[in-house]
């Protein structure tokens, strides 16, 4: 089940500052405008990642 727009979660317990992840819409006009996006706020910095990019990162990390 995918999360809905506006759902948010704070992830704690790691060595890094706790990131907050919110599901939003890609806010920049262009090819992906309005697509679901993971908005990751951590230690005053924000990045946007599509769910597909996040999965690709995890696949790369877990690859032998």
C-alpha atoms as a PDB file:
ATOM      1  CA  UNK A   1       0.000   0.000   0.000  1.00  0.00           C
ATOM      2  CA  UNK A   2       1.454   3.348  -1.020  1.00  0.00           C
ATOM      3  CA  UNK A   3       1.277   6.318   1.301  1.00  0.00           C
ATOM      4  CA  UNK A   4      -1.043   9.202   0.494  1.00  0.00           C
ATOM      5  CA  UNK A   5      -0.142  12.831  -0.215  1.00  0.00           C
ATOM      6  CA  UNK A   6       0.448  14.560   3.111  1.00  0.00           C
ATOM      7  CA  UNK A   7       1.450  11.419   5.025  1.00  0.00           C
ATOM      8  CA  UNK A   8       4.559  12.055   7.089  1.00  0.00           C
ATOM      9  CA  UNK A   9       6.931  10.070   9.298  1.00  0.00           C
ATOM     10  CA  UNK A  10       9.954  10.947  11.435  1.00  0.00           C
ATOM     11  CA  UNK A  11      12.646   8.254  11.362  1.00  0.00           C
ATOM     12  CA  UNK A  12      14.767   7.982  14.508  1.00  0.00           C
ATOM     13  CA  UNK A  13      17.304   5.558  15.866  1.00  0.00           C
ATOM     14  CA  UNK A  14      20.078   5.925  13.288  1.00  0.00           C
ATOM     15  CA  UNK A  15      23.434   7.616  13.651  1.00  0.00           C
ATOM     16  CA  UNK A  16      22.341  10.553  11.474  1.00  0.00           C
ATOM     17  CA  UNK A  17      20.031  13.419  12.468  1.00  0.00           C
ATOM     18  CA  UNK A  18      16.432  12.139  12.352  1.00  0.00           C
ATOM     19  CA  UNK A  19      14.960  12.706   8.871  1.00  0.00           C
ATOM     20  CA  UNK A  20      11.299  13.565   8.372  1.00  0.00           C
ATOM     21  CA  UNK A  21       9.760  12.185   5.172  1.00  0.00           C
ATOM     22  CA  UNK A  22       6.546  13.607   3.764  1.00  0.00           C
ATOM     23  CA  UNK A  23       4.701  12.460   0.651  1.00  0.00           C
ATOM     24  CA  UNK A  24       3.986  15.455  -1.572  1.00  0.00           C
ATOM     25  CA  UNK A  25       3.689  16.520  -5.175  1.00  0.00           C
ATOM     26  CA  UNK A  26       6.711  17.483  -7.273  1.00  0.00           C
ATOM     27  CA  UNK A  27       6.410  21.285  -7.094  1.00  0.00           C
ATOM     28  CA  UNK A  28       8.490  22.396 -10.098  1.00  0.00           C
ATOM     29  CA  UNK A  29       6.829  22.942 -13.474  1.00  0.00           C
ATOM     30  CA  UNK A  30       8.067  20.532 -16.099  1.00  0.00           C
ATOM     31  CA  UNK A  31       7.943  16.865 -16.978  1.00  0.00           C
ATOM     32  CA  UNK A  32       7.251  15.561 -13.447  1.00  0.00           C
ATOM     33  CA  UNK A  33       5.092  18.408 -12.124  1.00  0.00           C
ATOM     34  CA  UNK A  34       2.493  17.014  -9.704  1.00  0.00           C
ATOM     35  CA  UNK A  35       3.955  13.495  -9.538  1.00  0.00           C
ATOM     36  CA  UNK A  36       4.177  11.921  -6.059  1.00  0.00           C
ATOM     37  CA  UNK A  37       7.467  12.869  -4.419  1.00  0.00           C
ATOM     38  CA  UNK A  38       9.207  12.018  -1.161  1.00  0.00           C
ATOM     39  CA  UNK A  39      10.145  15.280   0.558  1.00  0.00           C
ATOM     40  CA  UNK A  40      13.000  14.508   2.933  1.00  0.00           C
ATOM     41  CA  UNK A  41      13.852  17.124   5.583  1.00  0.00           C
ATOM     42  CA  UNK A  42      16.961  16.482   7.622  1.00  0.00           C
ATOM     43  CA  UNK A  43      19.059  18.831   9.702  1.00  0.00           C
ATOM     44  CA  UNK A  44      17.753  21.922   7.885  1.00  0.00           C
ATOM     45  CA  UNK A  45      18.192  20.476   4.391  1.00  0.00           C
ATOM     46  CA  UNK A  46      15.435  19.333   2.037  1.00  0.00           C
ATOM     47  CA  UNK A  47      15.650  17.016  -0.945  1.00  0.00           C
ATOM     48  CA  UNK A  48      12.992  15.628  -3.259  1.00  0.00           C
ATOM     49  CA  UNK A  49      13.151  12.046  -4.481  1.00  0.00           C
ATOM     50  CA  UNK A  50      10.637  10.124  -6.518  1.00  0.00           C
ATOM     51  CA  UNK A  51       9.659   6.758  -5.057  1.00  0.00           C
ATOM     52  CA  UNK A  52      11.379   5.145  -8.075  1.00  0.00           C
ATOM     53  CA  UNK A  53      14.665   6.929  -7.354  1.00  0.00           C
ATOM     54  CA  UNK A  54      14.475   5.945  -3.677  1.00  0.00           C
ATOM     55  CA  UNK A  55      13.941   2.306  -4.696  1.00  0.00           C
ATOM     56  CA  UNK A  56      16.876   2.474  -7.129  1.00  0.00           C
ATOM     57  CA  UNK A  57      19.101   3.816  -4.332  1.00  0.00           C
ATOM     58  CA  UNK A  58      18.051   0.997  -2.001  1.00  0.00           C
ATOM     59  CA  UNK A  59      18.563  -1.607  -4.753  1.00  0.00           C
ATOM     60  CA  UNK A  60      22.054  -0.224  -5.412  1.00  0.00           C
ATOM     61  CA  UNK A  61      22.879  -0.232  -1.699  1.00  0.00           C
ATOM     62  CA  UNK A  62      21.694  -3.819  -1.201  1.00  0.00           C
ATOM     63  CA  UNK A  63      23.398  -5.203  -4.301  1.00  0.00           C
ATOM     64  CA  UNK A  64      26.170  -7.719  -3.625  1.00  0.00           C
END
